[in-house]
C-alpha atoms as a PDB file:
ATOM      1  CA  MET A   1     146.263 256.573 163.564  1.00  0.00           C
ATOM      2  CA  VAL A   2     146.604 252.794 163.320  1.00  0.00           C
ATOM      3  CA  LYS A   3     144.411 250.038 161.933  1.00  0.00           C
ATOM      4  CA  LEU A   4     145.437 246.417 162.363  1.00  0.00           C
ATOM      5  CA  ASP A   5     143.552 243.523 160.791  1.00  0.00           C
ATOM      6  CA  GLU A   6     145.370 240.431 162.033  1.00  0.00           C
ATOM      7  CA  GLU A   7     142.980 238.064 160.263  1.00  0.00           C
ATOM      8  CA  ASN A   8     143.943 239.469 156.847  1.00  0.00           C
ATOM      9  CA  ASN A   9     147.492 240.411 157.886  1.00  0.00           C
ATOM     10  CA  VAL A  10     146.876 244.098 157.091  1.00  0.00           C
ATOM     11  CA  TYR A  11     148.494 247.038 158.881  1.00  0.00           C
ATOM     12  CA  LYS A  12     147.821 250.707 158.148  1.00  0.00           C
ATOM     13  CA  LYS A  13     149.332 253.654 159.949  1.00  0.00           C
ATOM     14  CA  LEU A  14     149.014 257.381 159.317  1.00  0.00           C
ATOM     15  CA  VAL A  15     151.072 259.969 161.140  1.00  0.00           C
ATOM     16  CA  LEU A  16     149.327 263.335 161.443  1.00  0.00           C
ATOM     17  CA  LYS A  17     150.657 266.691 162.569  1.00  0.00           C
ATOM     18  CA  ASP A  18     148.156 269.511 162.924  1.00  0.00           C
ATOM     19  CA  ASN A  19     145.635 267.414 160.928  1.00  0.00           C
ATOM     20  CA  ILE A  20     148.023 267.009 157.997  1.00  0.00           C
ATOM     21  CA  ILE A  21     149.364 263.595 156.985  1.00  0.00           C
ATOM     22  CA  VAL A  22     153.138 263.646 157.409  1.00  0.00           C
ATOM     23  CA  GLY A  23     153.838 259.920 157.154  1.00  0.00           C
ATOM     24  CA  MET A  24     152.213 256.614 156.359  1.00  0.00           C
ATOM     25  CA  THR A  25     152.808 252.875 156.385  1.00  0.00           C
ATOM     26  CA  MET A  26     150.633 250.436 154.459  1.00  0.00           C
ATOM     27  CA  VAL A  27     151.279 246.691 154.649  1.00  0.00           C
ATOM     28  CA  ASN A  28     149.341 244.199 152.470  1.00  0.00           C
ATOM     29  CA  CYS A  29     146.719 246.795 151.567  1.00  0.00           C
ATOM     30  CA  ILE A  30     147.868 249.539 149.238  1.00  0.00           C
ATOM     31  CA  GLU A  31     144.619 250.204 147.355  1.00  0.00           C
ATOM     32  CA  ARG A  32     144.113 253.644 148.963  1.00  0.00           C
ATOM     33  CA  ALA A  33     147.794 254.537 149.269  1.00  0.00           C
ATOM     34  CA  GLY A  34     147.725 256.797 146.202  1.00  0.00           C
ATOM     35  CA  VAL A  35     144.860 258.888 147.532  1.00  0.00           C
ATOM     36  CA  LEU A  36     146.476 259.156 150.962  1.00  0.00           C
ATOM     37  CA  PHE A  37     149.866 259.996 149.450  1.00  0.00           C
ATOM     38  CA  ASN A  38     148.281 262.740 147.351  1.00  0.00           C
ATOM     39  CA  LEU A  39     146.676 264.228 150.476  1.00  0.00           C
ATOM     40  CA  MET A  40     150.071 264.099 152.187  1.00  0.00           C
ATOM     41  CA  LYS A  41     151.941 265.552 149.205  1.00  0.00           C
ATOM     42  CA  LYS A  42     149.517 268.470 148.879  1.00  0.00           C
ATOM     43  CA  ARG A  43     149.497 269.011 152.665  1.00  0.00           C
ATOM     44  CA  ILE A  44     145.682 268.887 152.817  1.00  0.00           C
ATOM     45  CA  ASN A  45     144.053 269.439 156.211  1.00  0.00           C
ATOM     46  CA  VAL A  46     142.144 266.202 156.847  1.00  0.00           C
ATOM     47  CA  LYS A  47     140.369 267.249 160.049  1.00  0.00           C
ATOM     48  CA  LYS A  48     136.854 267.047 158.547  1.00  0.00           C
ATOM     49  CA  PHE A  49     137.247 263.443 157.360  1.00  0.00           C
ATOM     50  CA  LYS A  50     140.186 261.984 159.276  1.00  0.00           C
ATOM     51  CA  GLN A  51     138.050 259.331 160.983  1.00  0.00           C
ATOM     52  CA  SER A  52     137.397 257.740 157.589  1.00  0.00           C
ATOM     53  CA  LEU A  53     141.003 257.790 156.304  1.00  0.00           C
ATOM     54  CA  LEU A  54     141.753 254.198 157.324  1.00  0.00           C
ATOM     55  CA  SER A  55     138.307 252.765 156.641  1.00  0.00           C
ATOM     56  CA  ASP A  56     137.980 250.046 154.015  1.00  0.00           C
ATOM     57  CA  ASP A  57     135.634 252.164 151.901  1.00  0.00           C
ATOM     58  CA  PHE A  58     137.729 255.355 151.915  1.00  0.00           C
ATOM     59  CA  SER A  59     138.049 256.873 148.446  1.00  0.00           C
ATOM     60  CA  LEU A  60     138.100 260.209 146.680  1.00  0.00           C
ATOM     61  CA  ALA A  61     134.294 260.162 146.807  1.00  0.00           C
ATOM     62  CA  VAL A  62     134.444 260.547 150.613  1.00  0.00           C
ATOM     63  CA  LEU A  63     136.271 263.867 150.334  1.00  0.00           C
ATOM     64  CA  PRO A  64     134.310 267.136 150.475  1.00  0.00           C
ATOM     65  CA  LEU A  65     133.324 268.460 147.027  1.00  0.00           C
ATOM     66  CA  SER A  66     135.504 271.552 147.421  1.00  0.00           C
ATOM     67  CA  LEU A  67     138.518 269.322 148.028  1.00  0.00           C
ATOM     68  CA  GLN A  68     137.615 267.061 145.102  1.00  0.00           C
ATOM     69  CA  ARG A  69     137.624 270.156 142.881  1.00  0.00           C
ATOM     70  CA  LYS A  70     140.941 271.316 144.334  1.00  0.00           C
ATOM     71  CA  MET A  71     142.449 267.895 143.630  1.00  0.00           C
ATOM     72  CA  ARG A  72     140.877 267.985 140.149  1.00  0.00           C
ATOM     73  CA  VAL A  73     138.788 264.882 140.735  1.00  0.00           C
ATOM     74  CA  ILE A  74     135.685 266.710 139.496  1.00  0.00           C
ATOM     75  CA  GLN A  75     135.161 269.927 137.542  1.00  0.00           C
END
């Protein structure tokens, strides 16, 4: 998955295998890198929300509640 914003000189790339993030590149936009890295590190299946992974408003709040609990975002 690739998102290129030439106007703001931003490049984002996620490499998925079987709906699991296995690699990523973030250039000039690292605000969501921690969330994405955590999903990659924990080998979370992102199938249900993968279309929003590279969106500008992607955050932990976008994740399903069950996943937020698993990642200890909420109790």
